[in-house]
């Protein structure tokens, strides 16, 4: 670690603390050459492999902007989107991979988005699951309806048929 003041190639760690979210470490350092102190923040790198093959750093902001388009006109706040992006990042980091395909990020967005807003989920899923026809939409809607169906009372149904 180079000193930002004198460019000495070494420094001594005085204090280390984990951030509140547990995803980074803040270190207080001192340069042995000039004696000045400075702080650094260390995070595990997570890179995204885009469809074009370009590799770039992971960005929660890109998740928010992509999901915001699917949520247009829906009752979803910026705070909801920020929380969704945080959940997606935590899910991806929990896998322990250093690089992830952009499409896999899109698929990781689907479960928390489904909980947040089902219409936005369908909009987003149509892109990332490659819906090609109305039947694909109908199948996804049927799955959502099945998930919302109340538990059936078999005695009640039999009585209604008689």
N, C-alpha and C. Protein backbone atom coordinates (compact mmCIF):
# COMPACT_ATOMS: atom_id res chain seq x y z
N UNK A 1 0.85 -1.17 0.00
CA UNK A 1 0.00 0.00 0.00
C UNK A 1 0.90 1.23 0.00
N UNK A 2 0.80 2.03 -1.03
CA UNK A 2 1.59 3.26 -1.11
C UNK A 2 0.97 4.35 -0.24
N UNK A 3 1.83 5.09 0.43
CA UNK A 3 1.37 6.25 1.21
C UNK A 3 0.83 7.29 0.23
N UNK A 4 -0.37 7.82 0.45
CA UNK A 4 -0.92 8.82 -0.48
C UNK A 4 -0.22 10.18 -0.38
N UNK A 5 0.61 10.37 0.65
CA UNK A 5 1.27 11.66 0.85
C UNK A 5 2.69 11.67 0.30
N UNK A 6 3.49 10.64 0.63
CA UNK A 6 4.89 10.63 0.19
C UNK A 6 5.21 9.51 -0.79
N UNK A 7 4.25 8.65 -1.08
CA UNK A 7 4.37 7.53 -2.02
C UNK A 7 5.33 6.45 -1.54
N UNK A 8 5.61 6.40 -0.25
CA UNK A 8 6.43 5.32 0.30
C UNK A 8 5.67 4.01 0.08
N UNK A 9 6.37 2.94 -0.33
CA UNK A 9 5.67 1.71 -0.72
C UNK A 9 5.19 0.82 0.43
N UNK A 10 5.26 1.30 1.65
CA UNK A 10 4.85 0.46 2.78
C UNK A 10 4.06 1.29 3.78
N UNK A 11 3.25 0.62 4.58
CA UNK A 11 2.51 1.28 5.66
C UNK A 11 2.24 0.26 6.74
N UNK A 12 1.93 0.77 7.92
CA UNK A 12 1.65 -0.10 9.07
C UNK A 12 0.18 0.05 9.43
N UNK A 13 -0.50 -1.07 9.65
CA UNK A 13 -1.91 -1.05 10.04
C UNK A 13 -1.98 -0.75 11.54
N UNK A 14 -2.75 0.29 11.88
CA UNK A 14 -2.92 0.69 13.28
C UNK A 14 -4.21 0.11 13.85
N UNK A 15 -5.27 0.11 13.02
CA UNK A 15 -6.58 -0.34 13.48
C UNK A 15 -7.35 -0.93 12.30
N UNK A 16 -8.12 -1.99 12.54
CA UNK A 16 -8.99 -2.60 11.52
C UNK A 16 -10.38 -2.78 12.09
N UNK A 17 -11.38 -2.44 11.28
CA UNK A 17 -12.78 -2.62 11.69
C UNK A 17 -13.60 -3.09 10.51
N UNK A 18 -14.53 -3.99 10.80
CA UNK A 18 -15.45 -4.47 9.78
C UNK A 18 -16.57 -3.45 9.63
N UNK A 19 -17.01 -3.23 8.39
CA UNK A 19 -18.12 -2.31 8.15
C UNK A 19 -19.41 -2.88 8.73
N UNK A 20 -20.43 -2.04 8.84
CA UNK A 20 -21.71 -2.47 9.41
C UNK A 20 -22.33 -3.62 8.62
N UNK A 21 -22.22 -3.57 7.28
CA UNK A 21 -22.81 -4.63 6.46
C UNK A 21 -21.93 -5.88 6.37
N UNK A 22 -20.70 -5.80 6.91
CA UNK A 22 -19.81 -6.95 6.94
C UNK A 22 -19.14 -7.26 5.61
N UNK A 23 -19.31 -6.39 4.61
CA UNK A 23 -18.77 -6.66 3.29
C UNK A 23 -17.42 -5.99 3.04
N UNK A 24 -16.97 -5.16 3.96
CA UNK A 24 -15.68 -4.50 3.77
C UNK A 24 -14.98 -4.31 5.11
N UNK A 25 -13.69 -4.01 5.02
CA UNK A 25 -12.88 -3.77 6.21
C UNK A 25 -12.25 -2.38 6.07
N UNK A 26 -12.40 -1.58 7.09
CA UNK A 26 -11.78 -0.25 7.13
C UNK A 26 -10.50 -0.37 7.95
N UNK A 27 -9.38 0.04 7.36
CA UNK A 27 -8.11 -0.03 8.06
C UNK A 27 -7.53 1.38 8.21
N UNK A 28 -7.03 1.66 9.40
CA UNK A 28 -6.33 2.90 9.68
C UNK A 28 -4.85 2.57 9.58
N UNK A 29 -4.10 3.30 8.75
CA UNK A 29 -2.70 3.01 8.49
C UNK A 29 -1.82 4.20 8.81
N UNK A 30 -0.52 3.91 9.03
CA UNK A 30 0.47 4.97 9.27
C UNK A 30 1.69 4.68 8.41
N UNK A 31 2.19 5.72 7.76
CA UNK A 31 3.38 5.60 6.92
C UNK A 31 4.62 5.66 7.81
N UNK A 32 5.54 4.69 7.69
CA UNK A 32 6.76 4.72 8.50
C UNK A 32 7.75 5.80 8.04
N UNK A 33 7.57 6.29 6.82
CA UNK A 33 8.49 7.30 6.27
C UNK A 33 8.12 8.71 6.73
N UNK A 34 6.86 9.12 6.47
CA UNK A 34 6.46 10.50 6.81
C UNK A 34 5.65 10.58 8.10
N UNK A 35 5.18 9.43 8.60
CA UNK A 35 4.44 9.40 9.87
C UNK A 35 2.98 9.79 9.76
N UNK A 36 2.50 10.14 8.57
CA UNK A 36 1.10 10.56 8.41
C UNK A 36 0.20 9.34 8.39
N UNK A 37 -1.05 9.57 8.78
CA UNK A 37 -2.05 8.49 8.84
C UNK A 37 -3.08 8.65 7.74
N UNK A 38 -3.62 7.51 7.32
CA UNK A 38 -4.67 7.50 6.30
C UNK A 38 -5.51 6.25 6.46
N UNK A 39 -6.69 6.25 5.85
CA UNK A 39 -7.61 5.12 5.94
C UNK A 39 -7.76 4.44 4.59
N UNK A 40 -7.96 3.14 4.63
CA UNK A 40 -8.27 2.38 3.41
C UNK A 40 -9.51 1.53 3.67
N UNK A 41 -10.20 1.20 2.61
CA UNK A 41 -11.35 0.30 2.69
C UNK A 41 -11.07 -0.86 1.76
N UNK A 42 -11.17 -2.06 2.30
CA UNK A 42 -10.91 -3.26 1.52
C UNK A 42 -12.19 -4.04 1.32
N UNK A 43 -12.44 -4.44 0.09
CA UNK A 43 -13.59 -5.28 -0.22
C UNK A 43 -13.14 -6.42 -1.13
N UNK A 44 -13.84 -7.51 -1.07
CA UNK A 44 -13.57 -8.62 -1.99
C UNK A 44 -14.10 -8.21 -3.35
N UNK A 45 -13.28 -8.36 -4.37
CA UNK A 45 -13.72 -7.94 -5.69
C UNK A 45 -14.72 -8.95 -6.27
N UNK A 46 -15.69 -8.42 -6.95
CA UNK A 46 -16.71 -9.22 -7.64
C UNK A 46 -16.85 -8.62 -9.02
N UNK A 47 -16.57 -9.41 -10.04
CA UNK A 47 -16.63 -8.93 -11.41
C UNK A 47 -17.76 -9.60 -12.17
N UNK A 48 -18.28 -8.86 -13.13
CA UNK A 48 -19.39 -9.33 -13.96
C UNK A 48 -18.87 -9.55 -15.38
N UNK A 49 -19.18 -10.71 -15.93
CA UNK A 49 -18.82 -11.01 -17.31
C UNK A 49 -20.05 -10.71 -18.16
N UNK A 50 -19.95 -9.67 -18.97
CA UNK A 50 -21.08 -9.26 -19.80
C UNK A 50 -21.19 -10.17 -21.03
N UNK A 51 -22.32 -10.08 -21.70
CA UNK A 51 -22.56 -10.93 -22.88
C UNK A 51 -21.49 -10.74 -23.95
N UNK A 52 -20.95 -9.52 -24.04
CA UNK A 52 -19.92 -9.22 -25.04
C UNK A 52 -18.56 -9.78 -24.66
N UNK A 53 -18.44 -10.31 -23.43
CA UNK A 53 -17.17 -10.85 -22.96
C UNK A 53 -16.38 -9.87 -22.12
N UNK A 54 -16.81 -8.62 -22.08
CA UNK A 54 -16.14 -7.60 -21.27
C UNK A 54 -16.37 -7.90 -19.79
N UNK A 55 -15.33 -7.72 -18.98
CA UNK A 55 -15.44 -7.93 -17.54
C UNK A 55 -15.40 -6.56 -16.87
N UNK A 56 -16.35 -6.32 -15.97
CA UNK A 56 -16.40 -5.06 -15.24
C UNK A 56 -16.79 -5.31 -13.80
N UNK A 57 -16.50 -4.36 -12.90
CA UNK A 57 -16.85 -4.55 -11.49
C UNK A 57 -18.37 -4.60 -11.29
N UNK A 58 -18.80 -5.40 -10.31
CA UNK A 58 -20.20 -5.50 -9.94
C UNK A 58 -20.69 -4.14 -9.46
N UNK A 59 -21.93 -3.80 -9.78
CA UNK A 59 -22.50 -2.51 -9.38
C UNK A 59 -23.95 -2.68 -8.97
N UNK A 60 -24.24 -2.33 -7.71
CA UNK A 60 -25.64 -2.34 -7.26
C UNK A 60 -26.47 -1.34 -8.05
N UNK A 61 -25.86 -0.23 -8.43
CA UNK A 61 -26.59 0.81 -9.17
C UNK A 61 -27.14 0.28 -10.49
N UNK A 62 -26.40 -0.62 -11.13
CA UNK A 62 -26.89 -1.19 -12.38
C UNK A 62 -28.09 -2.10 -12.14
N UNK A 63 -28.09 -2.80 -11.02
CA UNK A 63 -29.26 -3.62 -10.68
C UNK A 63 -30.46 -2.71 -10.47
N UNK A 64 -30.27 -1.65 -9.70
CA UNK A 64 -31.37 -0.72 -9.42
C UNK A 64 -31.91 -0.13 -10.72
N UNK A 65 -31.03 0.32 -11.60
CA UNK A 65 -31.51 0.95 -12.84
C UNK A 65 -32.23 -0.05 -13.74
N UNK A 66 -31.75 -1.29 -13.80
CA UNK A 66 -32.42 -2.31 -14.61
C UNK A 66 -33.78 -2.70 -14.06
N UNK A 67 -33.86 -2.85 -12.75
CA UNK A 67 -35.13 -3.24 -12.13
C UNK A 67 -36.10 -2.06 -12.13
N UNK A 68 -35.57 -0.85 -12.03
CA UNK A 68 -36.44 0.34 -12.05
C UNK A 68 -37.28 0.37 -13.33
N UNK A 69 -36.70 -0.04 -14.44
CA UNK A 69 -37.44 -0.06 -15.71
C UNK A 69 -38.61 -1.04 -15.63
N UNK A 70 -38.38 -2.19 -15.02
CA UNK A 70 -39.46 -3.18 -14.89
C UNK A 70 -40.53 -2.71 -13.91
N UNK A 71 -40.14 -1.84 -12.97
CA UNK A 71 -41.07 -1.35 -11.93
C UNK A 71 -41.76 -0.05 -12.31
N UNK A 72 -41.55 0.42 -13.52
CA UNK A 72 -42.14 1.67 -13.96
C UNK A 72 -43.66 1.62 -13.84
N UNK A 73 -44.22 2.60 -13.14
CA UNK A 73 -45.66 2.65 -12.94
C UNK A 73 -46.18 1.75 -11.83
N UNK A 74 -45.30 1.10 -11.12
CA UNK A 74 -45.67 0.20 -10.03
C UNK A 74 -45.39 0.86 -8.69
N UNK A 75 -46.07 0.43 -7.62
CA UNK A 75 -45.86 1.05 -6.30
C UNK A 75 -44.60 0.53 -5.61
N UNK A 76 -43.44 0.82 -6.21
CA UNK A 76 -42.15 0.37 -5.68
C UNK A 76 -41.29 1.61 -5.44
N UNK A 77 -40.76 1.74 -4.23
CA UNK A 77 -39.96 2.92 -3.88
C UNK A 77 -38.48 2.69 -4.17
N UNK A 78 -37.72 3.78 -4.13
CA UNK A 78 -36.27 3.68 -4.31
C UNK A 78 -35.65 2.87 -3.18
N UNK A 79 -36.20 2.98 -1.99
CA UNK A 79 -35.70 2.20 -0.86
C UNK A 79 -35.92 0.70 -1.10
N UNK A 80 -37.07 0.35 -1.68
CA UNK A 80 -37.34 -1.06 -2.03
C UNK A 80 -36.32 -1.57 -3.03
N UNK A 81 -35.99 -0.74 -4.02
CA UNK A 81 -35.03 -1.14 -5.05
C UNK A 81 -33.63 -1.29 -4.46
N UNK A 82 -33.26 -0.38 -3.55
CA UNK A 82 -31.94 -0.47 -2.91
C UNK A 82 -31.83 -1.74 -2.08
N UNK A 83 -32.90 -2.08 -1.37
CA UNK A 83 -32.90 -3.30 -0.56
C UNK A 83 -32.81 -4.54 -1.44
N UNK A 84 -33.53 -4.53 -2.55
CA UNK A 84 -33.48 -5.64 -3.50
C UNK A 84 -32.05 -5.81 -4.03
N UNK A 85 -31.41 -4.72 -4.40
CA UNK A 85 -30.04 -4.79 -4.92
C UNK A 85 -29.08 -5.33 -3.86
N UNK A 86 -29.29 -4.93 -2.62
CA UNK A 86 -28.45 -5.43 -1.53
C UNK A 86 -28.64 -6.94 -1.36
N UNK A 87 -29.89 -7.39 -1.40
CA UNK A 87 -30.17 -8.82 -1.26
C UNK A 87 -29.53 -9.62 -2.39
N UNK A 88 -29.60 -9.10 -3.61
CA UNK A 88 -29.01 -9.78 -4.76
C UNK A 88 -27.49 -9.87 -4.59
N UNK A 89 -26.87 -8.76 -4.18
CA UNK A 89 -25.42 -8.77 -3.98
C UNK A 89 -25.03 -9.77 -2.89
N UNK A 90 -25.76 -9.80 -1.80
CA UNK A 90 -25.46 -10.75 -0.72
C UNK A 90 -25.59 -12.19 -1.21
N UNK A 91 -26.61 -12.46 -2.02
CA UNK A 91 -26.81 -13.80 -2.57
C UNK A 91 -25.64 -14.20 -3.46
N UNK A 92 -25.21 -13.29 -4.31
CA UNK A 92 -24.11 -13.58 -5.24
C UNK A 92 -22.80 -13.75 -4.47
N UNK A 93 -22.53 -12.87 -3.52
CA UNK A 93 -21.28 -12.98 -2.74
C UNK A 93 -21.26 -14.27 -1.91
N UNK A 94 -22.42 -14.73 -1.48
CA UNK A 94 -22.48 -15.96 -0.68
C UNK A 94 -22.05 -17.19 -1.49
N UNK A 95 -22.10 -17.10 -2.82
CA UNK A 95 -21.66 -18.21 -3.65
C UNK A 95 -20.14 -18.36 -3.62
N UNK A 96 -19.43 -17.29 -3.28
CA UNK A 96 -17.98 -17.33 -3.19
C UNK A 96 -17.25 -17.19 -4.50
N UNK A 97 -17.95 -16.90 -5.58
CA UNK A 97 -17.30 -16.73 -6.87
C UNK A 97 -16.74 -15.31 -7.01
N UNK A 98 -15.67 -15.17 -7.78
CA UNK A 98 -15.07 -13.85 -8.01
C UNK A 98 -15.61 -13.22 -9.29
N UNK A 99 -16.12 -14.06 -10.21
CA UNK A 99 -16.70 -13.57 -11.45
C UNK A 99 -18.03 -14.27 -11.69
N UNK A 100 -18.98 -13.51 -12.21
CA UNK A 100 -20.31 -14.07 -12.47
C UNK A 100 -20.83 -13.53 -13.78
N UNK A 101 -21.55 -14.35 -14.52
CA UNK A 101 -22.16 -13.91 -15.78
C UNK A 101 -23.29 -12.93 -15.49
N UNK A 102 -23.43 -11.94 -16.36
CA UNK A 102 -24.49 -10.95 -16.22
C UNK A 102 -25.86 -11.62 -16.21
N UNK A 103 -26.04 -12.66 -17.02
CA UNK A 103 -27.32 -13.36 -17.06
C UNK A 103 -27.65 -14.02 -15.72
N UNK A 104 -26.62 -14.52 -15.03
CA UNK A 104 -26.83 -15.13 -13.72
C UNK A 104 -27.28 -14.10 -12.69
N UNK A 105 -26.81 -12.87 -12.85
CA UNK A 105 -27.28 -11.80 -11.97
C UNK A 105 -28.75 -11.53 -12.23
N UNK A 106 -29.13 -11.50 -13.50
CA UNK A 106 -30.54 -11.30 -13.85
C UNK A 106 -31.41 -12.39 -13.25
N UNK A 107 -30.94 -13.62 -13.28
CA UNK A 107 -31.71 -14.72 -12.69
C UNK A 107 -31.76 -14.62 -11.16
N UNK A 108 -30.69 -14.09 -10.55
CA UNK A 108 -30.66 -13.91 -9.09
C UNK A 108 -31.61 -12.80 -8.64
N UNK A 109 -31.94 -11.91 -9.54
CA UNK A 109 -32.86 -10.81 -9.23
C UNK A 109 -34.30 -11.31 -9.14
N UNK A 110 -34.64 -12.36 -9.88
CA UNK A 110 -36.03 -12.80 -9.99
C UNK A 110 -36.72 -13.14 -8.67
N UNK A 111 -36.14 -13.98 -7.79
CA UNK A 111 -36.87 -14.32 -6.56
C UNK A 111 -37.22 -13.11 -5.66
N UNK A 112 -36.25 -12.21 -5.36
CA UNK A 112 -36.65 -11.07 -4.53
C UNK A 112 -37.58 -10.10 -5.25
N UNK A 113 -37.47 -10.01 -6.58
CA UNK A 113 -38.37 -9.13 -7.33
C UNK A 113 -39.79 -9.70 -7.32
N UNK A 114 -39.91 -11.01 -7.36
CA UNK A 114 -41.23 -11.65 -7.30
C UNK A 114 -41.91 -11.32 -5.98
N UNK A 115 -41.15 -11.32 -4.89
CA UNK A 115 -41.70 -10.96 -3.58
C UNK A 115 -42.10 -9.50 -3.53
N UNK A 116 -41.35 -8.65 -4.23
CA UNK A 116 -41.59 -7.22 -4.19
C UNK A 116 -42.81 -6.81 -5.01
N UNK A 117 -42.87 -7.26 -6.27
CA UNK A 117 -43.97 -6.87 -7.15
C UNK A 117 -44.07 -7.88 -8.29
N UNK A 118 -45.20 -8.57 -8.38
CA UNK A 118 -45.34 -9.64 -9.36
C UNK A 118 -45.43 -9.14 -10.80
N UNK A 119 -45.98 -7.96 -11.01
CA UNK A 119 -46.05 -7.43 -12.37
C UNK A 119 -44.65 -7.07 -12.85
N UNK A 120 -43.87 -6.43 -12.00
CA UNK A 120 -42.48 -6.12 -12.34
C UNK A 120 -41.69 -7.40 -12.56
N UNK A 121 -41.98 -8.42 -11.75
CA UNK A 121 -41.33 -9.72 -11.90
C UNK A 121 -41.59 -10.29 -13.30
N UNK A 122 -42.85 -10.25 -13.74
CA UNK A 122 -43.17 -10.78 -15.07
C UNK A 122 -42.47 -9.99 -16.17
N UNK A 123 -42.43 -8.68 -16.02
CA UNK A 123 -41.73 -7.86 -17.02
C UNK A 123 -40.26 -8.25 -17.10
N UNK A 124 -39.63 -8.35 -15.93
CA UNK A 124 -38.20 -8.66 -15.87
C UNK A 124 -37.95 -10.09 -16.34
N UNK A 125 -38.78 -11.03 -15.91
CA UNK A 125 -38.61 -12.44 -16.27
C UNK A 125 -38.75 -12.64 -17.78
N UNK A 126 -39.59 -11.85 -18.41
CA UNK A 126 -39.78 -12.01 -19.85
C UNK A 126 -38.47 -11.78 -20.60
N UNK A 127 -37.60 -10.95 -20.07
CA UNK A 127 -36.30 -10.71 -20.69
C UNK A 127 -35.31 -11.80 -20.29
N UNK A 128 -35.16 -12.04 -18.99
CA UNK A 128 -34.11 -12.94 -18.52
C UNK A 128 -34.43 -14.42 -18.66
N UNK A 129 -35.68 -14.76 -18.79
CA UNK A 129 -36.02 -16.15 -19.03
C UNK A 129 -36.37 -16.37 -20.49
N UNK A 130 -36.27 -15.32 -21.29
CA UNK A 130 -36.44 -15.44 -22.73
C UNK A 130 -37.82 -15.86 -23.16
N UNK A 131 -38.86 -15.20 -22.65
CA UNK A 131 -40.21 -15.53 -23.10
C UNK A 131 -40.31 -15.27 -24.59
N UNK A 132 -40.79 -16.28 -25.33
CA UNK A 132 -40.90 -16.17 -26.78
C UNK A 132 -42.33 -16.07 -27.27
N UNK A 133 -43.29 -16.39 -26.40
CA UNK A 133 -44.68 -16.43 -26.85
C UNK A 133 -45.62 -16.08 -25.70
N UNK A 134 -46.89 -15.95 -26.04
CA UNK A 134 -47.91 -15.71 -25.03
C UNK A 134 -48.02 -16.89 -24.07
N UNK A 135 -47.74 -18.08 -24.58
CA UNK A 135 -47.80 -19.27 -23.73
C UNK A 135 -46.78 -19.19 -22.60
N UNK A 136 -45.61 -18.60 -22.88
CA UNK A 136 -44.61 -18.43 -21.83
C UNK A 136 -45.13 -17.51 -20.72
N UNK A 137 -45.79 -16.42 -21.12
CA UNK A 137 -46.39 -15.51 -20.14
C UNK A 137 -47.49 -16.23 -19.37
N UNK A 138 -48.34 -16.95 -20.08
CA UNK A 138 -49.44 -17.66 -19.42
C UNK A 138 -48.92 -18.68 -18.41
N UNK A 139 -47.86 -19.39 -18.76
CA UNK A 139 -47.29 -20.37 -17.85
C UNK A 139 -46.74 -19.69 -16.60
N UNK A 140 -46.08 -18.54 -16.77
CA UNK A 140 -45.55 -17.81 -15.61
C UNK A 140 -46.68 -17.29 -14.74
N UNK A 141 -47.73 -16.80 -15.36
CA UNK A 141 -48.89 -16.29 -14.60
C UNK A 141 -49.57 -17.44 -13.86
N UNK A 142 -49.68 -18.59 -14.50
CA UNK A 142 -50.27 -19.75 -13.84
C UNK A 142 -49.48 -20.14 -12.60
N UNK A 143 -48.15 -20.13 -12.70
CA UNK A 143 -47.31 -20.44 -11.54
C UNK A 143 -47.53 -19.43 -10.41
N UNK A 144 -47.69 -18.16 -10.76
CA UNK A 144 -47.96 -17.14 -9.74
C UNK A 144 -49.32 -17.38 -9.08
N UNK A 145 -50.30 -17.74 -9.88
CA UNK A 145 -51.64 -18.00 -9.33
C UNK A 145 -51.63 -19.21 -8.41
N UNK A 146 -50.94 -20.25 -8.79
CA UNK A 146 -50.84 -21.46 -7.96
C UNK A 146 -50.18 -21.12 -6.63
N UNK A 147 -49.18 -20.26 -6.66
CA UNK A 147 -48.48 -19.86 -5.44
C UNK A 147 -49.40 -19.08 -4.50
N UNK A 148 -50.39 -18.38 -5.07
CA UNK A 148 -51.31 -17.58 -4.25
C UNK A 148 -52.57 -18.32 -3.85
N UNK A 149 -52.80 -19.49 -4.44
CA UNK A 149 -54.03 -20.23 -4.15
C UNK A 149 -54.05 -20.65 -2.68
N UNK A 150 -55.18 -20.41 -1.99
CA UNK A 150 -55.26 -20.83 -0.59
C UNK A 150 -55.31 -22.36 -0.52
N UNK A 151 -54.89 -22.86 0.61
CA UNK A 151 -54.96 -24.31 0.83
C UNK A 151 -56.43 -24.73 0.73
N UNK A 152 -56.69 -25.76 -0.06
CA UNK A 152 -58.07 -26.21 -0.27
C UNK A 152 -58.49 -27.17 0.82
N UNK A 153 -59.73 -27.01 1.25
CA UNK A 153 -60.32 -27.93 2.22
C UNK A 153 -61.05 -29.00 1.42
N UNK A 154 -60.55 -30.23 1.44
CA UNK A 154 -61.12 -31.29 0.58
C UNK A 154 -62.55 -31.62 0.97
N UNK A 155 -62.91 -31.51 2.25
CA UNK A 155 -64.30 -31.78 2.66
C UNK A 155 -65.23 -30.71 2.11
N UNK A 156 -64.79 -29.47 2.15
CA UNK A 156 -65.60 -28.35 1.65
C UNK A 156 -65.87 -28.47 0.16
N UNK A 157 -64.84 -28.94 -0.60
CA UNK A 157 -65.03 -29.08 -2.02
C UNK A 157 -66.03 -30.18 -2.34
N UNK A 158 -65.96 -31.27 -1.61
CA UNK A 158 -66.87 -32.38 -1.85
C UNK A 158 -68.30 -31.98 -1.55
N UNK A 159 -68.49 -31.20 -0.51
CA UNK A 159 -69.83 -30.75 -0.15
C UNK A 159 -70.38 -29.79 -1.19
N UNK A 160 -69.52 -29.00 -1.79
CA UNK A 160 -69.98 -28.04 -2.79
C UNK A 160 -70.39 -28.73 -4.08
N UNK A 161 -69.82 -29.90 -4.36
CA UNK A 161 -70.15 -30.60 -5.60
C UNK A 161 -71.45 -31.38 -5.49
N UNK A 162 -71.91 -31.68 -4.29
CA UNK A 162 -73.11 -32.50 -4.13
C UNK A 162 -74.37 -31.76 -4.32
